[in-house]
N, C-alpha and C. Protein backbone atom coordinates (compact mmCIF):
# COMPACT_ATOMS: atom_id res chain seq x y z
N UNK A 1 46.79 -116.18 -9.85
CA UNK A 1 47.24 -116.72 -11.13
C UNK A 1 46.74 -118.15 -11.24
N UNK A 2 46.24 -118.51 -12.38
CA UNK A 2 45.81 -119.88 -12.65
C UNK A 2 46.99 -120.62 -13.25
N UNK A 3 47.61 -121.50 -12.47
CA UNK A 3 48.83 -122.17 -12.91
C UNK A 3 48.57 -123.05 -14.12
N UNK A 4 47.36 -123.58 -14.25
CA UNK A 4 47.05 -124.40 -15.42
C UNK A 4 47.14 -123.59 -16.70
N UNK A 5 46.60 -122.38 -16.68
CA UNK A 5 46.68 -121.52 -17.87
C UNK A 5 48.12 -121.16 -18.17
N UNK A 6 48.92 -120.90 -17.14
CA UNK A 6 50.33 -120.54 -17.33
C UNK A 6 51.08 -121.71 -17.95
N UNK A 7 50.80 -122.92 -17.47
CA UNK A 7 51.47 -124.10 -18.01
C UNK A 7 51.07 -124.31 -19.46
N UNK A 8 49.79 -124.12 -19.77
CA UNK A 8 49.34 -124.26 -21.16
C UNK A 8 50.03 -123.24 -22.05
N UNK A 9 50.15 -121.99 -21.58
CA UNK A 9 50.78 -120.94 -22.37
C UNK A 9 52.24 -121.29 -22.60
N UNK A 10 52.95 -121.75 -21.55
CA UNK A 10 54.36 -122.10 -21.69
C UNK A 10 54.55 -123.24 -22.67
N UNK A 11 53.69 -124.25 -22.59
CA UNK A 11 53.78 -125.38 -23.53
C UNK A 11 53.54 -124.89 -24.95
N UNK A 12 52.61 -123.98 -25.12
CA UNK A 12 52.33 -123.45 -26.46
C UNK A 12 53.49 -122.65 -27.00
N UNK A 13 54.16 -121.89 -26.14
CA UNK A 13 55.32 -121.11 -26.58
C UNK A 13 56.46 -122.03 -26.99
N UNK A 14 56.68 -123.11 -26.25
CA UNK A 14 57.73 -124.07 -26.60
C UNK A 14 57.38 -124.75 -27.92
N UNK A 15 56.13 -125.17 -28.06
CA UNK A 15 55.70 -125.86 -29.28
C UNK A 15 55.87 -124.96 -30.50
N UNK A 16 55.68 -123.67 -30.33
CA UNK A 16 55.78 -122.74 -31.46
C UNK A 16 57.20 -122.66 -31.99
N UNK A 17 58.20 -123.05 -31.21
CA UNK A 17 59.59 -122.97 -31.67
C UNK A 17 60.11 -124.28 -32.23
N UNK A 18 59.31 -125.34 -32.13
CA UNK A 18 59.76 -126.64 -32.64
C UNK A 18 59.69 -126.69 -34.15
N UNK A 19 60.58 -127.46 -34.80
CA UNK A 19 60.52 -127.58 -36.26
C UNK A 19 59.19 -128.18 -36.69
N UNK A 20 58.69 -127.68 -37.78
CA UNK A 20 57.44 -128.19 -38.34
C UNK A 20 57.78 -129.11 -39.51
N UNK A 21 57.09 -130.21 -39.62
CA UNK A 21 57.35 -131.13 -40.74
C UNK A 21 56.95 -130.46 -42.04
N UNK A 22 57.83 -130.58 -43.07
CA UNK A 22 57.46 -130.01 -44.35
C UNK A 22 56.54 -130.97 -45.10
N UNK A 23 56.15 -130.62 -46.31
CA UNK A 23 55.17 -131.43 -47.03
C UNK A 23 55.66 -132.84 -47.30
N UNK A 24 56.97 -133.08 -47.33
CA UNK A 24 57.49 -134.41 -47.55
C UNK A 24 57.56 -135.21 -46.24
N UNK A 25 57.16 -134.62 -45.13
CA UNK A 25 57.17 -135.32 -43.86
C UNK A 25 58.50 -135.27 -43.15
N UNK A 26 59.40 -134.39 -43.54
CA UNK A 26 60.71 -134.26 -42.92
C UNK A 26 60.58 -133.43 -41.64
N UNK A 27 60.68 -134.08 -40.49
CA UNK A 27 60.52 -133.40 -39.21
C UNK A 27 61.72 -132.54 -38.87
N UNK A 28 62.79 -132.65 -39.64
CA UNK A 28 64.00 -131.88 -39.35
C UNK A 28 64.09 -130.60 -40.18
N UNK A 29 62.98 -130.21 -40.76
CA UNK A 29 62.96 -129.01 -41.58
C UNK A 29 63.35 -127.79 -40.76
N UNK A 30 63.95 -126.80 -41.41
CA UNK A 30 64.31 -125.57 -40.72
C UNK A 30 63.13 -124.61 -40.60
N UNK A 31 62.00 -124.98 -41.18
CA UNK A 31 60.83 -124.13 -41.06
C UNK A 31 60.40 -124.08 -39.60
N UNK A 32 60.06 -122.92 -39.14
CA UNK A 32 59.55 -122.75 -37.78
C UNK A 32 58.11 -122.28 -37.87
N UNK A 33 57.29 -122.83 -37.02
CA UNK A 33 55.91 -122.37 -36.96
C UNK A 33 55.94 -120.96 -36.39
N UNK A 34 55.27 -120.06 -37.02
CA UNK A 34 55.28 -118.69 -36.53
C UNK A 34 54.32 -118.57 -35.36
N UNK A 35 54.83 -118.10 -34.25
CA UNK A 35 54.02 -117.90 -33.05
C UNK A 35 53.24 -116.60 -33.20
N UNK A 36 51.98 -116.63 -32.86
CA UNK A 36 51.19 -115.42 -32.92
C UNK A 36 51.22 -114.74 -31.56
N UNK A 37 51.27 -113.44 -31.58
CA UNK A 37 51.28 -112.66 -30.36
C UNK A 37 49.82 -112.46 -29.94
N UNK A 38 49.51 -112.77 -28.69
CA UNK A 38 48.12 -112.61 -28.24
C UNK A 38 47.70 -111.14 -28.23
N UNK A 39 46.44 -110.92 -28.49
CA UNK A 39 45.87 -109.57 -28.39
C UNK A 39 45.97 -109.12 -26.94
N UNK A 40 45.74 -107.83 -26.73
CA UNK A 40 45.73 -107.28 -25.38
C UNK A 40 44.49 -106.40 -25.23
N UNK A 41 44.02 -106.30 -24.01
CA UNK A 41 42.83 -105.51 -23.72
C UNK A 41 43.15 -104.48 -22.65
N UNK A 42 42.79 -103.25 -22.96
CA UNK A 42 42.95 -102.10 -22.08
C UNK A 42 41.60 -101.93 -21.41
N UNK A 43 41.57 -102.04 -20.10
CA UNK A 43 40.34 -101.91 -19.33
C UNK A 43 40.50 -100.72 -18.41
N UNK A 44 39.67 -99.72 -18.60
CA UNK A 44 39.78 -98.47 -17.86
C UNK A 44 38.45 -98.21 -17.17
N UNK A 45 38.47 -98.10 -15.85
CA UNK A 45 37.25 -97.73 -15.12
C UNK A 45 37.49 -96.39 -14.43
N UNK A 46 36.44 -95.62 -14.35
CA UNK A 46 36.49 -94.33 -13.67
C UNK A 46 35.88 -94.52 -12.29
N UNK A 47 36.74 -94.53 -11.27
CA UNK A 47 36.28 -94.72 -9.88
C UNK A 47 35.42 -93.55 -9.43
N UNK A 48 35.84 -92.35 -9.79
CA UNK A 48 35.05 -91.16 -9.48
C UNK A 48 35.39 -90.08 -10.50
N UNK A 49 34.42 -89.24 -10.76
CA UNK A 49 34.60 -88.12 -11.70
C UNK A 49 34.29 -86.86 -10.92
N UNK A 50 35.27 -85.96 -10.83
CA UNK A 50 35.08 -84.73 -10.05
C UNK A 50 34.95 -83.49 -10.94
N UNK A 51 35.28 -83.61 -12.22
CA UNK A 51 35.21 -82.46 -13.12
C UNK A 51 34.80 -82.94 -14.51
N UNK A 52 33.54 -82.73 -14.84
CA UNK A 52 32.99 -83.18 -16.13
C UNK A 52 33.65 -82.48 -17.32
N UNK A 53 34.06 -81.23 -17.15
CA UNK A 53 34.72 -80.51 -18.25
C UNK A 53 36.08 -81.11 -18.56
N UNK A 54 36.84 -81.45 -17.52
CA UNK A 54 38.14 -82.09 -17.73
C UNK A 54 37.95 -83.47 -18.36
N UNK A 55 36.92 -84.19 -17.93
CA UNK A 55 36.63 -85.50 -18.50
C UNK A 55 36.30 -85.36 -19.99
N UNK A 56 35.50 -84.37 -20.34
CA UNK A 56 35.13 -84.15 -21.75
C UNK A 56 36.38 -83.84 -22.59
N UNK A 57 37.29 -83.03 -22.05
CA UNK A 57 38.53 -82.69 -22.77
C UNK A 57 39.38 -83.95 -22.95
N UNK A 58 39.44 -84.78 -21.91
CA UNK A 58 40.19 -86.04 -21.99
C UNK A 58 39.60 -86.94 -23.07
N UNK A 59 38.30 -87.12 -23.07
CA UNK A 59 37.64 -88.01 -24.03
C UNK A 59 37.91 -87.54 -25.46
N UNK A 60 37.85 -86.24 -25.68
CA UNK A 60 38.08 -85.69 -27.02
C UNK A 60 39.49 -86.00 -27.53
N UNK A 61 40.46 -86.02 -26.63
CA UNK A 61 41.84 -86.30 -27.02
C UNK A 61 42.18 -87.79 -26.97
N UNK A 62 41.65 -88.49 -25.98
CA UNK A 62 42.04 -89.89 -25.77
C UNK A 62 41.54 -90.82 -26.87
N UNK A 63 40.32 -90.61 -27.35
CA UNK A 63 39.78 -91.47 -28.41
C UNK A 63 40.68 -91.49 -29.65
N UNK A 64 40.97 -90.33 -30.22
CA UNK A 64 41.86 -90.31 -31.39
C UNK A 64 43.26 -90.85 -31.08
N UNK A 65 43.76 -90.61 -29.87
CA UNK A 65 45.10 -91.12 -29.50
C UNK A 65 45.10 -92.65 -29.49
N UNK A 66 44.05 -93.25 -28.95
CA UNK A 66 43.97 -94.72 -28.90
C UNK A 66 43.85 -95.31 -30.30
N UNK A 67 43.00 -94.71 -31.14
CA UNK A 67 42.83 -95.21 -32.51
C UNK A 67 44.12 -95.05 -33.31
N UNK A 68 44.82 -93.93 -33.13
CA UNK A 68 46.09 -93.70 -33.84
C UNK A 68 47.15 -94.72 -33.42
N UNK A 69 47.04 -95.22 -32.19
CA UNK A 69 48.00 -96.20 -31.68
C UNK A 69 47.58 -97.63 -32.00
N UNK A 70 46.52 -97.79 -32.79
CA UNK A 70 46.08 -99.12 -33.19
C UNK A 70 44.99 -99.73 -32.33
N UNK A 71 44.45 -98.97 -31.40
CA UNK A 71 43.40 -99.48 -30.53
C UNK A 71 42.04 -99.51 -31.20
N UNK A 72 41.25 -100.51 -30.85
CA UNK A 72 39.88 -100.63 -31.34
C UNK A 72 38.96 -100.62 -30.13
N UNK A 73 38.06 -99.64 -30.06
CA UNK A 73 37.12 -99.57 -28.96
C UNK A 73 36.09 -100.68 -29.10
N UNK A 74 35.98 -101.51 -28.07
CA UNK A 74 35.01 -102.61 -28.08
C UNK A 74 33.78 -102.27 -27.26
N UNK A 75 33.95 -101.52 -26.19
CA UNK A 75 32.82 -101.13 -25.34
C UNK A 75 33.23 -99.92 -24.50
N UNK A 76 32.26 -99.07 -24.20
CA UNK A 76 32.49 -97.96 -23.29
C UNK A 76 31.15 -97.45 -22.78
N UNK A 77 31.17 -96.99 -21.56
CA UNK A 77 29.97 -96.48 -20.92
C UNK A 77 29.75 -97.14 -19.58
N UNK A 78 28.53 -97.03 -19.08
CA UNK A 78 28.19 -97.66 -17.81
C UNK A 78 27.81 -99.11 -18.03
N UNK A 79 28.19 -99.99 -17.11
CA UNK A 79 27.82 -101.41 -17.24
C UNK A 79 26.30 -101.57 -17.24
N UNK A 80 25.83 -102.54 -17.98
CA UNK A 80 24.41 -102.86 -17.97
C UNK A 80 24.03 -103.53 -16.65
N UNK A 81 24.94 -104.32 -16.11
CA UNK A 81 24.75 -105.01 -14.84
C UNK A 81 26.11 -105.13 -14.16
N UNK A 82 26.09 -105.20 -12.84
CA UNK A 82 27.31 -105.47 -12.06
C UNK A 82 26.93 -106.51 -11.01
N UNK A 83 27.76 -107.51 -10.87
CA UNK A 83 27.50 -108.60 -9.94
C UNK A 83 28.59 -108.68 -8.89
N UNK A 84 28.27 -109.35 -7.79
CA UNK A 84 29.19 -109.58 -6.67
C UNK A 84 29.76 -108.25 -6.20
N UNK A 85 31.06 -108.02 -6.31
CA UNK A 85 31.64 -106.75 -5.84
C UNK A 85 31.74 -105.72 -6.96
N UNK A 86 31.13 -106.00 -8.10
CA UNK A 86 31.19 -105.09 -9.23
C UNK A 86 30.49 -103.78 -8.94
N UNK A 87 31.01 -102.71 -9.52
CA UNK A 87 30.45 -101.38 -9.35
C UNK A 87 29.97 -100.84 -10.69
N UNK A 88 28.97 -100.02 -10.66
CA UNK A 88 28.45 -99.41 -11.89
C UNK A 88 29.28 -98.16 -12.20
N UNK A 89 30.50 -98.38 -12.69
CA UNK A 89 31.42 -97.31 -13.02
C UNK A 89 31.61 -97.24 -14.53
N UNK A 90 31.79 -96.01 -15.02
CA UNK A 90 32.10 -95.83 -16.43
C UNK A 90 33.33 -96.69 -16.77
N UNK A 91 33.22 -97.51 -17.81
CA UNK A 91 34.27 -98.45 -18.18
C UNK A 91 34.53 -98.37 -19.68
N UNK A 92 35.79 -98.51 -20.06
CA UNK A 92 36.18 -98.54 -21.46
C UNK A 92 36.99 -99.80 -21.71
N UNK A 93 36.70 -100.49 -22.80
CA UNK A 93 37.43 -101.69 -23.19
C UNK A 93 37.97 -101.47 -24.60
N UNK A 94 39.31 -101.53 -24.73
CA UNK A 94 39.97 -101.28 -26.01
C UNK A 94 40.86 -102.47 -26.34
N UNK A 95 40.79 -102.95 -27.57
CA UNK A 95 41.63 -104.07 -28.01
C UNK A 95 42.85 -103.53 -28.75
N UNK A 96 44.01 -104.15 -28.46
CA UNK A 96 45.26 -103.84 -29.15
C UNK A 96 45.85 -105.13 -29.69
N UNK A 97 46.75 -105.03 -30.65
CA UNK A 97 47.39 -106.21 -31.23
C UNK A 97 48.31 -106.94 -30.27
N UNK A 98 48.78 -106.25 -29.22
CA UNK A 98 49.69 -106.87 -28.25
C UNK A 98 49.74 -106.02 -26.99
N UNK A 99 50.29 -106.60 -25.93
CA UNK A 99 50.51 -105.84 -24.70
C UNK A 99 51.46 -104.69 -24.98
N UNK A 100 52.52 -104.95 -25.75
CA UNK A 100 53.48 -103.89 -26.07
C UNK A 100 52.81 -102.71 -26.77
N UNK A 101 51.87 -103.00 -27.68
CA UNK A 101 51.17 -101.94 -28.39
C UNK A 101 50.30 -101.13 -27.43
N UNK A 102 49.65 -101.79 -26.49
CA UNK A 102 48.81 -101.10 -25.52
C UNK A 102 49.65 -100.22 -24.60
N UNK A 103 50.77 -100.74 -24.14
CA UNK A 103 51.65 -99.96 -23.26
C UNK A 103 52.23 -98.77 -24.03
N UNK A 104 52.60 -98.98 -25.28
CA UNK A 104 53.11 -97.88 -26.10
C UNK A 104 52.04 -96.81 -26.30
N UNK A 105 50.79 -97.23 -26.44
CA UNK A 105 49.69 -96.27 -26.58
C UNK A 105 49.58 -95.40 -25.33
N UNK A 106 49.71 -96.04 -24.17
CA UNK A 106 49.64 -95.30 -22.91
C UNK A 106 50.74 -94.24 -22.84
N UNK A 107 51.93 -94.60 -23.25
CA UNK A 107 53.08 -93.69 -23.16
C UNK A 107 53.20 -92.74 -24.35
N UNK A 108 52.32 -92.87 -25.34
CA UNK A 108 52.41 -92.02 -26.53
C UNK A 108 52.19 -90.55 -26.16
N UNK A 109 52.83 -89.64 -26.89
CA UNK A 109 52.64 -88.21 -26.62
C UNK A 109 51.17 -87.79 -26.71
N UNK A 110 50.43 -88.35 -27.65
CA UNK A 110 49.02 -87.97 -27.80
C UNK A 110 48.20 -88.37 -26.57
N UNK A 111 48.44 -89.57 -26.04
CA UNK A 111 47.68 -89.99 -24.86
C UNK A 111 48.14 -89.23 -23.62
N UNK A 112 49.41 -88.94 -23.53
CA UNK A 112 49.90 -88.16 -22.39
C UNK A 112 49.27 -86.77 -22.38
N UNK A 113 49.02 -86.22 -23.56
CA UNK A 113 48.32 -84.93 -23.66
C UNK A 113 46.90 -85.08 -23.12
N UNK A 114 46.24 -86.19 -23.45
CA UNK A 114 44.89 -86.44 -22.94
C UNK A 114 44.91 -86.53 -21.41
N UNK A 115 45.91 -87.20 -20.86
CA UNK A 115 46.01 -87.31 -19.41
C UNK A 115 46.23 -85.96 -18.74
N UNK A 116 47.02 -85.10 -19.39
CA UNK A 116 47.21 -83.74 -18.84
C UNK A 116 45.90 -82.99 -18.85
N UNK A 117 45.09 -83.17 -19.89
CA UNK A 117 43.79 -82.50 -19.96
C UNK A 117 42.86 -83.02 -18.85
N UNK A 118 42.93 -84.30 -18.53
CA UNK A 118 42.10 -84.87 -17.46
C UNK A 118 42.58 -84.38 -16.10
N UNK A 119 43.89 -84.32 -15.92
CA UNK A 119 44.44 -83.84 -14.65
C UNK A 119 43.82 -84.54 -13.46
N UNK A 120 43.31 -83.76 -12.53
CA UNK A 120 42.68 -84.30 -11.33
C UNK A 120 41.16 -84.41 -11.47
N UNK A 121 40.68 -84.46 -12.72
CA UNK A 121 39.24 -84.49 -12.97
C UNK A 121 38.59 -85.84 -12.72
N UNK A 122 39.38 -86.89 -12.51
CA UNK A 122 38.81 -88.22 -12.27
C UNK A 122 39.84 -89.11 -11.61
N UNK A 123 39.35 -90.07 -10.85
CA UNK A 123 40.19 -91.13 -10.31
C UNK A 123 39.87 -92.37 -11.13
N UNK A 124 40.92 -93.03 -11.65
CA UNK A 124 40.70 -94.14 -12.57
C UNK A 124 41.47 -95.39 -12.14
N UNK A 125 41.05 -96.50 -12.70
CA UNK A 125 41.74 -97.79 -12.54
C UNK A 125 41.95 -98.29 -13.97
N UNK A 126 43.20 -98.36 -14.41
CA UNK A 126 43.49 -98.76 -15.78
C UNK A 126 44.34 -100.03 -15.74
N UNK A 127 43.92 -101.03 -16.50
CA UNK A 127 44.64 -102.31 -16.56
C UNK A 127 44.81 -102.72 -18.01
N UNK A 128 45.93 -103.35 -18.30
CA UNK A 128 46.18 -103.95 -19.60
C UNK A 128 46.37 -105.43 -19.35
N UNK A 129 45.61 -106.25 -20.06
CA UNK A 129 45.65 -107.68 -19.84
C UNK A 129 45.82 -108.39 -21.18
N UNK A 130 46.66 -109.43 -21.17
CA UNK A 130 46.90 -110.22 -22.38
C UNK A 130 45.75 -111.20 -22.58
N UNK A 131 45.32 -111.34 -23.81
CA UNK A 131 44.26 -112.28 -24.13
C UNK A 131 44.75 -113.70 -23.93
N UNK A 132 43.86 -114.57 -23.59
CA UNK A 132 44.19 -115.99 -23.45
C UNK A 132 44.40 -116.57 -24.84
N UNK A 133 45.53 -117.23 -25.05
CA UNK A 133 45.80 -117.77 -26.39
C UNK A 133 44.83 -118.90 -26.75
């Protein structure tokens, strides 16, 4: 964890709750600055694929499930390059409006159906990460 980033985020969250001066310069206004919720990114890598048919069934179901849950596909496929300990594994990057939205997408009935279709057809590493504000 980068403590500097955490401190910056905490300071930003506190600042978002402070009263904002209104147009007359009154710092005691009841107006509150609306805090924006950071986007979230779903990063899914396929460590190994043992059944291409199960993978195809998963892809057919998972794409529509992610879009229905508000996800936007930003990238998918094999990396163009991998550096240091990086591996050339099939990777998917999906943007969501929030971490809560991404987690809800994972638990949605439609995505759970996709996971049942995949079954033991692949070993994956799936992470959801909050965007830096």
